[in-house]
């Protein structure tokens, strides 16, 4: 049994994001392609026998993107679900080195919790199945399903070099893996805004109209050359109108010569996709004078 373990937790971007009307249970069905990118948080987990109470999860957030986590967070919810499922009664200390901005539409918190559970599973040799991960994901958050599926892929969620991609539907629980593409580079641009997810969904609901981008299959669009992509994110227009700096970032990337540009998830991160890596590096150098950027 391992005493401690450090793993990476990658970000994701959304290629197309269709948001359907609010359901009776308060959730929205979506349809999107998620793909991991090589921007990662690093999660270190240690088992602790000296904590005062059983099933205690202590989390310290450090690093350039550190935030103050509330008592009820993705780690604590994931740990509680893990303990209920496995009968574990040991405490854990988690240190998360944040590189992925919170409220940026990149799934950082969901990825962290999935990698955290994978770490505990490895350390305690509980041998969780995919079905077990799904049960835990249901107690934590919709995006966790995707990252948990990545944990069981041949590539794995922790890969820094290869991507995991999937068509995601329902409230996030329907995850159908796709052959991942590694033939393009992604430039992330951070407008410096934090967009609460409930607010973003509220803005889409108030807008009323959703830009479907036709009836084309998202998987079919994904298989085309990047310059021919017609993905549409239903959040981009209403969220961008609420946060003009996001629109400014979109304009900056669009005029840079990117092959495809959009906002990820419910915002606020903007990304440009480049078929030419050298072009992406040139654009990064130009934009980073005014924007925080990462090339992944």
Protein backbone atom coordinates (compact mmCIF):
# COMPACT_ATOMS: atom_id res chain seq x y z
CA UNK A 1 0.00 0.00 0.00
CA UNK A 2 1.44 3.35 -1.04
CA UNK A 3 1.68 6.16 1.50
CA UNK A 4 1.57 9.01 -1.03
CA UNK A 5 1.06 9.58 -4.73
CA UNK A 6 1.19 12.54 -7.14
CA UNK A 7 -0.77 12.51 -10.41
CA UNK A 8 -1.60 15.02 -13.13
CA UNK A 9 -5.15 16.16 -13.85
CA UNK A 10 -5.58 17.61 -17.36
CA UNK A 11 -7.89 20.35 -18.53
CA UNK A 12 -10.42 19.89 -21.32
CA UNK A 13 -11.88 22.11 -24.01
CA UNK A 14 -15.27 21.83 -25.67
CA UNK A 15 -15.51 21.56 -29.44
CA UNK A 16 -19.09 22.60 -30.01
CA UNK A 17 -21.55 22.76 -27.12
CA UNK A 18 -25.27 22.42 -27.69
CA UNK A 19 -27.40 23.30 -24.66
CA UNK A 20 -30.97 22.03 -24.56
CA UNK A 21 -33.86 23.52 -22.55
CA UNK A 22 -33.89 23.19 -18.77
CA UNK A 23 -35.26 19.87 -17.55
CA UNK A 24 -37.83 19.42 -14.78
CA UNK A 25 -35.03 18.39 -12.41
CA UNK A 26 -33.16 21.64 -13.02
CA UNK A 27 -30.41 20.18 -15.22
CA UNK A 28 -29.83 20.79 -18.92
CA UNK A 29 -29.02 18.14 -21.49
CA UNK A 30 -25.97 18.98 -23.57
CA UNK A 31 -24.14 17.64 -26.59
CA UNK A 32 -20.45 18.37 -27.01
CA UNK A 33 -17.07 16.95 -27.90
CA UNK A 34 -14.66 17.09 -24.99
CA UNK A 35 -10.95 16.70 -25.57
CA UNK A 36 -8.20 16.84 -22.97
CA UNK A 37 -5.30 19.25 -23.44
CA UNK A 38 -1.87 19.32 -21.85
CA UNK A 39 -2.56 21.93 -19.20
CA UNK A 40 -2.62 20.09 -15.89
CA UNK A 41 -3.13 20.51 -12.20
CA UNK A 42 -1.02 18.23 -10.02
CA UNK A 43 -2.73 16.36 -7.22
CA UNK A 44 -0.74 14.85 -4.34
CA UNK A 45 -2.58 12.49 -1.99
CA UNK A 46 -1.33 11.12 1.32
CA UNK A 47 -3.12 8.70 3.62
CA UNK A 48 -3.45 10.00 7.18
CA UNK A 49 -4.10 7.85 10.24
CA UNK A 50 -3.82 10.63 12.81
CA UNK A 51 -6.85 12.74 11.89
CA UNK A 52 -9.46 13.35 14.55
CA UNK A 53 -12.44 11.99 12.62
CA UNK A 54 -12.90 9.18 10.15
CA UNK A 55 -13.55 9.91 6.49
CA UNK A 56 -11.82 13.28 6.77
CA UNK A 57 -10.48 14.91 3.64
CA UNK A 58 -8.13 17.85 4.19
CA UNK A 59 -7.32 19.86 1.05
CA UNK A 60 -4.59 22.48 0.57
CA UNK A 61 -4.63 24.45 -2.66
CA UNK A 62 -1.32 25.94 -3.80
CA UNK A 63 0.30 27.24 -6.98
CA UNK A 64 -0.18 30.15 -9.36
CA UNK A 65 -3.92 29.50 -9.69
CA UNK A 66 -4.61 28.60 -6.07
CA UNK A 67 -8.08 29.36 -4.72
CA UNK A 68 -9.81 29.15 -1.36
CA UNK A 69 -11.96 26.03 -1.51
CA UNK A 70 -15.24 25.86 0.43
CA UNK A 71 -15.75 23.02 2.90
CA UNK A 72 -18.06 21.33 0.38
CA UNK A 73 -15.88 20.90 -2.70
CA UNK A 74 -15.24 18.35 -5.45
CA UNK A 75 -12.59 16.57 -3.35
CA UNK A 76 -14.76 16.24 -0.24
CA UNK A 77 -17.77 15.07 -2.25
CA UNK A 78 -15.69 12.54 -4.18
CA UNK A 79 -14.07 11.27 -0.99
CA UNK A 80 -17.41 10.87 0.78
CA UNK A 81 -18.81 8.90 -2.16
CA UNK A 82 -15.66 6.75 -2.27
CA UNK A 83 -15.93 5.94 1.46
CA UNK A 84 -19.61 5.02 1.19
CA UNK A 85 -18.87 2.76 -1.77
CA UNK A 86 -15.78 1.03 -0.37
CA UNK A 87 -16.17 1.21 3.41
CA UNK A 88 -12.88 3.09 3.74
CA UNK A 89 -12.42 4.92 7.04
CA UNK A 90 -8.96 6.41 6.61
CA UNK A 91 -8.32 10.11 6.35
CA UNK A 92 -6.52 11.77 3.43
CA UNK A 93 -4.50 14.92 2.93
CA UNK A 94 -4.65 16.40 -0.56
CA UNK A 95 -2.39 19.09 -1.99
CA UNK A 96 -3.50 20.40 -5.37
CA UNK A 97 -1.03 22.53 -7.36
CA UNK A 98 -3.40 24.62 -9.48
CA UNK A 99 -2.44 25.51 -13.04
CA UNK A 100 -5.98 25.39 -14.49
CA UNK A 101 -7.98 28.56 -13.73
CA UNK A 102 -11.22 28.10 -11.81
CA UNK A 103 -14.36 29.29 -13.56
CA UNK A 104 -12.64 29.04 -16.92
CA UNK A 105 -14.69 26.32 -18.61
CA UNK A 106 -11.76 23.89 -18.58
CA UNK A 107 -13.08 21.34 -16.08
CA UNK A 108 -10.23 21.71 -13.59
CA UNK A 109 -12.21 20.84 -10.47
CA UNK A 110 -13.82 17.82 -12.12
CA UNK A 111 -10.49 16.56 -13.44
CA UNK A 112 -8.88 17.03 -10.02
CA UNK A 113 -11.55 14.95 -8.30
CA UNK A 114 -11.34 12.15 -10.86
CA UNK A 115 -7.54 11.94 -10.56
CA UNK A 116 -7.90 12.11 -6.78
CA UNK A 117 -10.23 9.09 -6.70
CA UNK A 118 -7.94 7.18 -9.07
CA UNK A 119 -5.06 7.89 -6.69
CA UNK A 120 -6.92 6.62 -3.63
CA UNK A 121 -8.07 3.56 -5.57
CA UNK A 122 -4.43 2.79 -6.44
CA UNK A 123 -3.11 3.48 -2.95
CA UNK A 124 -5.74 1.39 -1.15
CA UNK A 125 -6.00 -1.27 -3.87
CA UNK A 126 -9.79 -1.02 -3.88
CA UNK A 127 -9.93 -1.89 -7.61
CA UNK A 128 -12.84 0.31 -8.58
CA UNK A 129 -14.63 -0.52 -11.83
CA UNK A 130 -15.87 1.92 -14.47
CA UNK A 131 -19.33 1.50 -12.99
CA UNK A 132 -17.96 2.45 -9.56
CA UNK A 133 -16.38 5.58 -11.01
CA UNK A 134 -19.73 6.49 -12.58
CA UNK A 135 -21.46 6.13 -9.21
CA UNK A 136 -18.93 8.47 -7.64
CA UNK A 137 -19.13 10.90 -10.57
CA UNK A 138 -22.90 11.18 -10.06
CA UNK A 139 -22.24 12.53 -6.55
CA UNK A 140 -19.59 15.06 -7.63
CA UNK A 141 -20.34 16.79 -10.93
CA UNK A 142 -21.35 16.31 -14.55
CA UNK A 143 -17.88 16.74 -16.11
CA UNK A 144 -16.40 14.09 -13.80
CA UNK A 145 -17.94 11.34 -15.95
CA UNK A 146 -15.71 12.36 -18.87
CA UNK A 147 -12.50 12.46 -16.87
CA UNK A 148 -13.34 9.17 -15.18
CA UNK A 149 -13.85 7.52 -18.57
CA UNK A 150 -10.46 8.88 -19.57
CA UNK A 151 -8.93 7.11 -16.57
CA UNK A 152 -9.97 3.80 -18.10
CA UNK A 153 -8.92 4.59 -21.65
CA UNK A 154 -5.72 3.27 -23.19
CA UNK A 155 -4.39 6.81 -23.12
CA UNK A 156 -5.56 7.74 -19.64
CA UNK A 157 -6.51 11.10 -18.23
CA UNK A 158 -3.01 11.81 -17.00
CA UNK A 159 -1.32 11.78 -20.39
CA UNK A 160 0.56 14.97 -21.18
CA UNK A 161 1.33 13.95 -24.75
CA UNK A 162 -1.84 12.30 -26.07
CA UNK A 163 -5.42 13.42 -25.85
CA UNK A 164 -8.61 11.67 -24.82
CA UNK A 165 -11.72 12.75 -26.72
CA UNK A 166 -15.37 11.79 -26.43
CA UNK A 167 -18.85 12.78 -27.52
CA UNK A 168 -20.63 13.79 -24.32
CA UNK A 169 -24.42 13.93 -23.90
CA UNK A 170 -27.19 13.99 -21.32
CA UNK A 171 -26.14 16.03 -18.30
CA UNK A 172 -22.63 14.66 -18.93
CA UNK A 173 -23.16 11.01 -18.03
CA UNK A 174 -23.26 9.74 -21.62
CA UNK A 175 -19.62 9.53 -22.72
CA UNK A 176 -18.78 7.89 -26.05
CA UNK A 177 -15.00 7.84 -26.70
CA UNK A 178 -13.76 9.03 -30.08
CA UNK A 179 -10.49 8.43 -31.87
CA UNK A 180 -8.53 11.39 -30.47
CA UNK A 181 -6.83 13.83 -32.79
CA UNK A 182 -3.32 14.96 -32.02
CA UNK A 183 -2.72 16.78 -35.30
CA UNK A 184 -3.42 20.30 -34.07
CA UNK A 185 -2.24 22.71 -31.40
CA UNK A 186 -4.47 24.67 -29.04
CA UNK A 187 -3.71 28.18 -27.78
CA UNK A 188 -5.60 29.01 -24.59
CA UNK A 189 -6.27 32.66 -23.84
CA UNK A 190 -7.48 33.68 -20.38
CA UNK A 191 -9.60 36.86 -20.26
CA UNK A 192 -9.31 37.02 -16.48
CA UNK A 193 -13.03 36.58 -15.86
CA UNK A 194 -14.67 33.98 -13.64
CA UNK A 195 -18.00 32.75 -15.00
CA UNK A 196 -20.14 30.82 -12.48
CA UNK A 197 -21.71 27.86 -14.28
CA UNK A 198 -25.26 28.48 -12.95
CA UNK A 199 -25.06 32.06 -14.21
CA UNK A 200 -23.96 30.88 -17.66
CA UNK A 201 -26.89 28.47 -17.95
CA UNK A 202 -29.22 31.22 -16.80
CA UNK A 203 -27.92 33.51 -19.54
CA UNK A 204 -28.55 30.81 -22.17
CA UNK A 205 -32.06 30.26 -20.85
CA UNK A 206 -32.82 33.99 -20.91
CA UNK A 207 -31.45 34.32 -24.44
CA UNK A 208 -33.98 31.73 -25.54
CA UNK A 209 -32.37 31.05 -28.91
CA UNK A 210 -29.74 28.42 -29.38
CA UNK A 211 -27.48 28.37 -32.40
CA UNK A 212 -27.49 24.75 -33.41
CA UNK A 213 -25.06 25.04 -36.30
CA UNK A 214 -27.36 22.83 -38.38
CA UNK A 215 -28.13 19.18 -37.82
CA UNK A 216 -24.60 18.00 -38.51
CA UNK A 217 -23.11 15.31 -36.30
CA UNK A 218 -20.46 16.75 -33.99
CA UNK A 219 -18.35 13.64 -34.55
CA UNK A 220 -18.54 14.21 -38.31
CA UNK A 221 -17.40 17.81 -37.91
CA UNK A 222 -14.56 16.67 -35.65
CA UNK A 223 -13.20 14.46 -38.44
CA UNK A 224 -12.81 17.33 -40.90
CA UNK A 225 -9.78 19.57 -41.36
CA UNK A 226 -9.76 22.15 -38.56
CA UNK A 227 -10.29 25.04 -40.99
CA UNK A 228 -13.59 23.42 -42.04
CA UNK A 229 -15.01 23.04 -38.52
CA UNK A 230 -18.47 24.53 -37.97
CA UNK A 231 -18.80 23.91 -34.24
CA UNK A 232 -21.02 26.32 -32.28
CA UNK A 233 -21.02 26.89 -28.51
CA UNK A 234 -24.44 28.05 -27.28
CA UNK A 235 -22.79 29.81 -24.33
CA UNK A 236 -20.46 32.01 -26.36
CA UNK A 237 -22.85 34.78 -27.41
CA UNK A 238 -24.85 35.32 -24.18
CA UNK A 239 -21.83 34.90 -21.89
CA UNK A 240 -19.69 37.11 -24.14
CA UNK A 241 -22.33 39.84 -24.01
CA UNK A 242 -22.26 39.69 -20.21
CA UNK A 243 -18.45 39.72 -20.10
CA UNK A 244 -17.14 41.95 -22.94
CA UNK A 245 -13.53 41.04 -22.21
CA UNK A 246 -14.32 37.52 -23.46
CA UNK A 247 -15.49 39.00 -26.77
CA UNK A 248 -12.27 41.03 -26.94
CA UNK A 249 -10.23 37.86 -26.46
CA UNK A 250 -12.25 36.06 -29.16
CA UNK A 251 -11.61 38.91 -31.57
CA UNK A 252 -7.90 38.90 -30.78
CA UNK A 253 -7.58 35.18 -31.51
CA UNK A 254 -9.80 35.33 -34.62
CA UNK A 255 -7.70 38.06 -36.19
CA UNK A 256 -4.50 36.17 -35.38
CA UNK A 257 -5.08 33.61 -38.13
CA UNK A 258 -6.25 30.64 -36.03
CA UNK A 259 -7.99 27.89 -38.01
CA UNK A 260 -10.83 27.71 -35.47
CA UNK A 261 -11.77 29.91 -32.50
CA UNK A 262 -14.36 29.63 -29.72
CA UNK A 263 -14.93 29.78 -25.98
CA UNK A 264 -14.58 26.60 -23.91
CA UNK A 265 -17.55 25.32 -21.94
CA UNK A 266 -19.49 28.02 -20.12
CA UNK A 267 -16.46 30.31 -20.19
CA UNK A 268 -14.37 32.22 -19.78
CA UNK A 269 -11.35 30.64 -21.50
CA UNK A 270 -11.03 31.35 -25.22
CA UNK A 271 -9.08 29.00 -27.47
CA UNK A 272 -7.64 29.01 -30.96
CA UNK A 273 -6.92 25.78 -32.83
CA UNK A 274 -3.97 25.72 -35.24
CA UNK A 275 -3.04 23.04 -37.74
CA UNK A 276 0.44 24.64 -37.95
CA UNK A 277 2.37 24.50 -34.65
CA UNK A 278 4.84 27.17 -35.75
CA UNK A 279 1.97 29.54 -36.48
CA UNK A 280 0.51 28.84 -33.05
CA UNK A 281 3.83 29.66 -31.37
CA UNK A 282 4.12 32.90 -33.36
CA UNK A 283 0.59 33.96 -32.37
CA UNK A 284 1.26 33.11 -28.73
CA UNK A 285 4.27 35.40 -28.75
CA UNK A 286 2.20 38.21 -30.17
CA UNK A 287 -0.85 37.83 -27.95
CA UNK A 288 0.94 37.25 -24.66
CA UNK A 289 1.84 40.94 -24.53
CA UNK A 290 -1.83 41.66 -23.74
CA UNK A 291 -3.25 38.31 -22.59
CA UNK A 292 -2.23 35.40 -20.42
CA UNK A 293 -1.78 32.50 -22.85
CA UNK A 294 -0.78 28.85 -22.79
CA UNK A 295 0.02 26.69 -25.81
CA UNK A 296 -1.06 23.07 -25.36
